[in-house]
Amino acid sequence: MKFLTALLFILIITACTDSDTGSNNQSNYLFNKSEIGCEVGKTAPNFKALLSDNTLFELSAYRGKVVMIEFWGTWCSYCGYARPLLRIIHDMYKSDTNYVMLGISINDTKEKWEEYILEKQLNWLQTQNTSGFGIDPKVLFCIEGIPTVLIIDKWGVIRSALNPTTTIMMSNKIDELLKE
C-alpha cells in the first residue's frame, strides 16, 4: 500500500509540473500553453532567428500582420518548382504593410544558402532553421516535409498549412486574412 501511495504521489507531482520543451525561451508566456501548437487553429509558437541581413526576426514582433512562413531547402527539387509561385505571391503582397513573408532554409550550409538567395534573388526575409535562438522552427512547427507554407493570421493563429502548389490557394487565404 505504501508503494502505491508513493507512486500516486510521484504521478501527481509529475503531472502538475510545468515542463518547458527544453528551451529557456519564455516568449510564449502570454498564451495558454495548451493553445500553442503546430496545427492549424493553434497559436503559432514564437521563435527568434537571425536573418540573412544579420538582423533579428522574432515572430511575436509581427503580431497584427499576416505572416507567411515558407520552409524550403537548396537541395529540394520540389522547392525549386515552387519558387516561381512564391515569387508571384511575394510580388503580389510586398507593398502591403500588413503582410510579411519569411523563408526558412532547412539543413543548408550557410555558404550554400547565402549563394542560393543571391542567385535566385529571394528578396523576402530569409533565415535558416539552424540560425535560431532556441528550438529549431522546423521542430516547433512540426515540419515533416518541404516545401511547406504556413499562413498565420494577425492574432498569431496558424490558419493554413499547405504545399505551395498554386498561387490561387495561397493568395485566397492571404486575402481572406488581410480582410479580417
C-alpha atoms as a PDB file:
ATOM      1  CA  MET A   1       0.000   0.000   0.000  1.00  0.00           C
ATOM      2  CA  LYS A   2       2.867   2.383   0.783  1.00  0.00           C
ATOM      3  CA  PHE A   3       4.280   1.652  -2.657  1.00  0.00           C
ATOM      4  CA  LEU A   4       1.001   2.598  -4.373  1.00  0.00           C
ATOM      5  CA  THR A   5       0.689   5.772  -2.274  1.00  0.00           C
ATOM      6  CA  ALA A   6       4.263   6.781  -3.175  1.00  0.00           C
ATOM      7  CA  LEU A   7       3.650   6.029  -6.852  1.00  0.00           C
ATOM      8  CA  LEU A   8       0.431   8.060  -6.850  1.00  0.00           C
ATOM      9  CA  PHE A   9       2.251  10.957  -5.166  1.00  0.00           C
ATOM     10  CA  ILE A  10       5.000  10.895  -7.819  1.00  0.00           C
ATOM     11  CA  LEU A  11       2.434  10.816 -10.632  1.00  0.00           C
ATOM     12  CA  ILE A  12       0.543  13.780  -9.182  1.00  0.00           C
ATOM     13  CA  ILE A  13       3.741  15.803  -8.746  1.00  0.00           C
ATOM     14  CA  THR A  14       4.885  14.946 -12.273  1.00  0.00           C
ATOM     15  CA  ALA A  15       1.513  15.832 -13.798  1.00  0.00           C
ATOM     16  CA  CYS A  16       1.414  19.174 -12.026  1.00  0.00           C
ATOM     17  CA  THR A  17       4.926  20.181 -13.043  1.00  0.00           C
ATOM     18  CA  ASP A  18       5.000  22.761 -15.828  1.00  0.00           C
ATOM     19  CA  SER A  19       7.718  21.404 -18.051  1.00  0.00           C
ATOM     20  CA  ASP A  20       9.156  23.515 -20.828  1.00  0.00           C
ATOM     21  CA  THR A  21      10.235  21.891 -24.075  1.00  0.00           C
ATOM     22  CA  GLY A  22      13.895  22.119 -23.175  1.00  0.00           C
ATOM     23  CA  SER A  23      14.228  25.780 -24.059  1.00  0.00           C
ATOM     24  CA  ASN A  24      14.638  28.693 -21.729  1.00  0.00           C
ATOM     25  CA  ASN A  25      12.547  30.708 -24.162  1.00  0.00           C
ATOM     26  CA  GLN A  26       9.710  32.331 -22.216  1.00  0.00           C
ATOM     27  CA  SER A  27       8.358  34.174 -25.268  1.00  0.00           C
ATOM     28  CA  ASN A  28       5.036  32.326 -25.266  1.00  0.00           C
ATOM     29  CA  TYR A  29       4.168  33.319 -21.693  1.00  0.00           C
ATOM     30  CA  LEU A  30       1.197  35.412 -22.816  1.00  0.00           C
ATOM     31  CA  PHE A  31      -0.658  32.365 -24.097  1.00  0.00           C
ATOM     32  CA  ASN A  32      -2.150  29.305 -22.513  1.00  0.00           C
ATOM     33  CA  LYS A  33       0.382  26.608 -23.398  1.00  0.00           C
ATOM     34  CA  SER A  34      -2.403  24.232 -24.436  1.00  0.00           C
ATOM     35  CA  GLU A  35      -3.355  26.721 -27.160  1.00  0.00           C
ATOM     36  CA  ILE A  36       0.138  26.784 -28.688  1.00  0.00           C
ATOM     37  CA  GLY A  37       0.978  24.203 -31.290  1.00  0.00           C
ATOM     38  CA  CYS A  38       1.880  23.415 -34.814  1.00  0.00           C
ATOM     39  CA  GLU A  39      -1.574  22.510 -36.106  1.00  0.00           C
ATOM     40  CA  VAL A  40      -3.989  24.745 -37.986  1.00  0.00           C
ATOM     41  CA  GLY A  41      -6.124  26.567 -35.420  1.00  0.00           C
ATOM     42  CA  LYS A  42      -3.401  26.701 -32.766  1.00  0.00           C
ATOM     43  CA  THR A  43      -1.365  29.744 -31.776  1.00  0.00           C
ATOM     44  CA  ALA A  44       1.953  29.741 -33.598  1.00  0.00           C
ATOM     45  CA  PRO A  45       4.909  29.287 -31.261  1.00  0.00           C
ATOM     46  CA  ASN A  46       7.160  32.296 -31.036  1.00  0.00           C
ATOM     47  CA  PHE A  47      10.742  31.956 -32.200  1.00  0.00           C
ATOM     48  CA  LYS A  48      13.753  34.125 -32.918  1.00  0.00           C
ATOM     49  CA  ALA A  49      16.165  33.724 -35.808  1.00  0.00           C
ATOM     50  CA  LEU A  50      18.977  35.611 -37.459  1.00  0.00           C
ATOM     51  CA  LEU A  51      18.025  36.854 -40.928  1.00  0.00           C
ATOM     52  CA  SER A  52      20.299  36.883 -43.979  1.00  0.00           C
ATOM     53  CA  ASP A  53      20.953  40.605 -43.416  1.00  0.00           C
ATOM     54  CA  ASN A  54      22.079  39.822 -39.817  1.00  0.00           C
ATOM     55  CA  THR A  55      19.012  41.387 -38.202  1.00  0.00           C
ATOM     56  CA  LEU A  56      16.896  39.562 -35.679  1.00  0.00           C
ATOM     57  CA  PHE A  57      13.490  38.141 -36.599  1.00  0.00           C
ATOM     58  CA  GLU A  58      11.018  37.421 -33.810  1.00  0.00           C
ATOM     59  CA  LEU A  59       7.608  36.123 -34.831  1.00  0.00           C
ATOM     60  CA  SER A  60       5.790  37.884 -31.980  1.00  0.00           C
ATOM     61  CA  ALA A  61       7.024  41.254 -33.288  1.00  0.00           C
ATOM     62  CA  TYR A  62       4.760  40.743 -36.314  1.00  0.00           C
ATOM     63  CA  ARG A  63       1.542  40.381 -34.342  1.00  0.00           C
ATOM     64  CA  GLY A  64      -1.107  42.372 -36.193  1.00  0.00           C
ATOM     65  CA  LYS A  65       0.218  41.257 -39.590  1.00  0.00           C
ATOM     66  CA  VAL A  66      -0.461  38.219 -41.741  1.00  0.00           C
ATOM     67  CA  VAL A  67       2.735  36.144 -41.814  1.00  0.00           C
ATOM     68  CA  MET A  68       3.554  33.531 -44.422  1.00  0.00           C
ATOM     69  CA  ILE A  69       6.392  31.193 -43.493  1.00  0.00           C
ATOM     70  CA  GLU A  70       7.907  29.103 -46.245  1.00  0.00           C
ATOM     71  CA  PHE A  71      10.083  26.115 -45.274  1.00  0.00           C
ATOM     72  CA  TRP A  72      12.470  25.171 -48.085  1.00  0.00           C
ATOM     73  CA  GLY A  73      15.966  23.884 -48.902  1.00  0.00           C
ATOM     74  CA  THR A  74      18.532  24.493 -51.633  1.00  0.00           C
ATOM     75  CA  TRP A  75      18.770  20.716 -52.105  1.00  0.00           C
ATOM     76  CA  CYS A  76      14.993  20.272 -52.501  1.00  0.00           C
ATOM     77  CA  SER A  77      13.904  19.937 -56.157  1.00  0.00           C
ATOM     78  CA  TYR A  78      10.213  20.436 -55.293  1.00  0.00           C
ATOM     79  CA  CYS A  79      11.153  23.698 -53.556  1.00  0.00           C
ATOM     80  CA  GLY A  80      12.709  24.826 -56.834  1.00  0.00           C
ATOM     81  CA  TYR A  81       9.439  24.077 -58.641  1.00  0.00           C
ATOM     82  CA  ALA A  82       7.517  26.125 -56.047  1.00  0.00           C
ATOM     83  CA  ARG A  83       9.932  29.071 -56.250  1.00  0.00           C
ATOM     84  CA  PRO A  84       8.178  30.869 -59.189  1.00  0.00           C
ATOM     85  CA  LEU A  85       4.821  30.590 -57.396  1.00  0.00           C
ATOM     86  CA  LEU A  86       6.275  32.011 -54.197  1.00  0.00           C
ATOM     87  CA  ARG A  87       7.893  34.848 -56.137  1.00  0.00           C
ATOM     88  CA  ILE A  88       4.450  35.717 -57.561  1.00  0.00           C
ATOM     89  CA  ILE A  89       2.988  35.737 -54.030  1.00  0.00           C
ATOM     90  CA  HIS A  90       5.858  37.910 -52.802  1.00  0.00           C
ATOM     91  CA  ASP A  91       5.396  40.369 -55.665  1.00  0.00           C
ATOM     92  CA  MET A  92       1.611  40.494 -55.129  1.00  0.00           C
ATOM     93  CA  TYR A  93       1.876  41.471 -51.454  1.00  0.00           C
ATOM     94  CA  LYS A  94       5.305  43.090 -50.995  1.00  0.00           C
ATOM     95  CA  SER A  95       3.821  46.584 -50.773  1.00  0.00           C
ATOM     96  CA  ASP A  96       1.167  45.570 -48.212  1.00  0.00           C
ATOM     97  CA  THR A  97       2.387  46.692 -44.795  1.00  0.00           C
ATOM     98  CA  ASN A  98       0.059  44.169 -43.100  1.00  0.00           C
ATOM     99  CA  TYR A  99       1.833  41.194 -44.695  1.00  0.00           C
ATOM    100  CA  VAL A 100       5.222  39.581 -44.080  1.00  0.00           C
ATOM    101  CA  MET A 101       6.857  36.657 -45.877  1.00  0.00           C
ATOM    102  CA  LEU A 102       9.664  34.637 -44.299  1.00  0.00           C
ATOM    103  CA  GLY A 103      11.657  31.838 -45.883  1.00  0.00           C
ATOM    104  CA  ILE A 104      13.305  29.295 -43.577  1.00  0.00           C
ATOM    105  CA  SER A 105      16.001  27.203 -45.236  1.00  0.00           C
ATOM    106  CA  ILE A 106      16.277  23.679 -43.813  1.00  0.00           C
ATOM    107  CA  ASN A 107      19.639  21.978 -43.270  1.00  0.00           C
ATOM    108  CA  ASP A 108      21.697  24.050 -45.696  1.00  0.00           C
ATOM    109  CA  THR A 109      25.235  25.208 -45.107  1.00  0.00           C
ATOM    110  CA  LYS A 110      25.437  28.942 -44.560  1.00  0.00           C
ATOM    111  CA  GLU A 111      27.601  29.428 -47.659  1.00  0.00           C
ATOM    112  CA  LYS A 112      25.295  27.450 -49.973  1.00  0.00           C
ATOM    113  CA  TRP A 113      22.226  29.201 -48.522  1.00  0.00           C
ATOM    114  CA  GLU A 114      23.697  32.705 -48.996  1.00  0.00           C
ATOM    115  CA  GLU A 115      24.798  31.886 -52.548  1.00  0.00           C
ATOM    116  CA  TYR A 116      21.345  30.479 -53.415  1.00  0.00           C
ATOM    117  CA  ILE A 117      19.500  33.530 -52.035  1.00  0.00           C
ATOM    118  CA  LEU A 118      21.625  35.852 -54.188  1.00  0.00           C
ATOM    119  CA  GLU A 119      21.491  33.655 -57.287  1.00  0.00           C
ATOM    120  CA  LYS A 120      17.703  33.150 -57.153  1.00  0.00           C
ATOM    121  CA  GLN A 121      17.033  36.716 -55.932  1.00  0.00           C
ATOM    122  CA  LEU A 122      14.930  35.672 -52.954  1.00  0.00           C
ATOM    123  CA  ASN A 123      14.068  39.201 -51.868  1.00  0.00           C
ATOM    124  CA  TRP A 124      11.805  38.381 -48.931  1.00  0.00           C
ATOM    125  CA  LEU A 125      13.021  37.791 -45.384  1.00  0.00           C
ATOM    126  CA  GLN A 126      15.257  34.714 -45.197  1.00  0.00           C
ATOM    127  CA  THR A 127      16.721  32.674 -42.357  1.00  0.00           C
ATOM    128  CA  GLN A 128      17.961  29.167 -41.678  1.00  0.00           C
ATOM    129  CA  ASN A 129      16.469  26.661 -39.277  1.00  0.00           C
ATOM    130  CA  THR A 130      19.888  26.473 -37.601  1.00  0.00           C
ATOM    131  CA  SER A 131      20.218  30.228 -37.002  1.00  0.00           C
ATOM    132  CA  GLY A 132      17.665  30.413 -34.217  1.00  0.00           C
ATOM    133  CA  PHE A 133      17.923  31.218 -30.570  1.00  0.00           C
ATOM    134  CA  GLY A 134      16.235  28.215 -29.008  1.00  0.00           C
ATOM    135  CA  ILE A 135      14.248  25.411 -30.561  1.00  0.00           C
ATOM    136  CA  ASP A 136      14.520  24.870 -34.318  1.00  0.00           C
ATOM    137  CA  PRO A 137      11.434  26.382 -36.078  1.00  0.00           C
ATOM    138  CA  LYS A 138      11.172  23.172 -38.126  1.00  0.00           C
ATOM    139  CA  VAL A 139      10.565  21.304 -34.862  1.00  0.00           C
ATOM    140  CA  LEU A 140       8.306  23.989 -33.358  1.00  0.00           C
ATOM    141  CA  PHE A 141       6.026  23.875 -36.402  1.00  0.00           C
ATOM    142  CA  CYS A 142       6.181  20.053 -36.822  1.00  0.00           C
ATOM    143  CA  ILE A 143       7.514  20.307 -40.377  1.00  0.00           C
ATOM    144  CA  GLU A 144       7.878  16.813 -41.806  1.00  0.00           C
ATOM    145  CA  GLY A 145       8.450  17.652 -45.470  1.00  0.00           C
ATOM    146  CA  ILE A 146       9.309  20.589 -47.653  1.00  0.00           C
ATOM    147  CA  PRO A 147       8.248  22.749 -49.303  1.00  0.00           C
ATOM    148  CA  THR A 148       5.661  23.693 -46.706  1.00  0.00           C
ATOM    149  CA  VAL A 149       3.931  27.041 -46.328  1.00  0.00           C
ATOM    150  CA  LEU A 150       2.245  28.181 -43.123  1.00  0.00           C
ATOM    151  CA  ILE A 151      -0.010  31.214 -43.089  1.00  0.00           C
ATOM    152  CA  ILE A 152      -0.504  32.870 -39.706  1.00  0.00           C
ATOM    153  CA  ASP A 153      -3.239  35.410 -39.033  1.00  0.00           C
ATOM    154  CA  LYS A 154      -2.965  38.799 -37.310  1.00  0.00           C
ATOM    155  CA  TRP A 155      -3.620  37.207 -33.910  1.00  0.00           C
ATOM    156  CA  GLY A 156      -0.825  34.678 -34.277  1.00  0.00           C
ATOM    157  CA  VAL A 157      -3.022  31.678 -35.107  1.00  0.00           C
ATOM    158  CA  ILE A 158      -1.914  29.214 -37.779  1.00  0.00           C
ATOM    159  CA  ARG A 159      -4.704  29.347 -40.349  1.00  0.00           C
ATOM    160  CA  SER A 160      -3.228  27.320 -43.186  1.00  0.00           C
ATOM    161  CA  ALA A 161      -0.549  24.679 -43.714  1.00  0.00           C
ATOM    162  CA  LEU A 162      -0.045  23.652 -47.301  1.00  0.00           C
ATOM    163  CA  ASN A 163       2.291  22.593 -50.025  1.00  0.00           C
ATOM    164  CA  PRO A 164       2.742  25.651 -52.261  1.00  0.00           C
ATOM    165  CA  THR A 165       1.185  24.180 -55.390  1.00  0.00           C
ATOM    166  CA  THR A 166      -0.938  27.099 -56.590  1.00  0.00           C
ATOM    167  CA  THR A 167      -0.779  30.839 -56.159  1.00  0.00           C
ATOM    168  CA  ILE A 168      -4.582  30.930 -56.107  1.00  0.00           C
ATOM    169  CA  MET A 169      -4.806  28.852 -52.904  1.00  0.00           C
ATOM    170  CA  MET A 170      -2.161  30.935 -51.173  1.00  0.00           C
ATOM    171  CA  SER A 171      -3.444  34.316 -52.347  1.00  0.00           C
ATOM    172  CA  ASN A 172      -7.066  33.457 -51.483  1.00  0.00           C
ATOM    173  CA  LYS A 173      -6.041  32.615 -47.897  1.00  0.00           C
ATOM    174  CA  ILE A 174      -3.848  35.716 -47.587  1.00  0.00           C
ATOM    175  CA  ASP A 175      -6.629  37.951 -48.989  1.00  0.00           C
ATOM    176  CA  GLU A 176      -9.141  36.418 -46.556  1.00  0.00           C
ATOM    177  CA  LEU A 177      -6.863  37.010 -43.570  1.00  0.00           C
ATOM    178  CA  LEU A 178      -5.921  40.542 -44.593  1.00  0.00           C
ATOM    179  CA  LYS A 179      -9.635  41.455 -44.646  1.00  0.00           C
ATOM    180  CA  GLU A 180     -10.244  40.178 -41.097  1.00  0.00           C
END
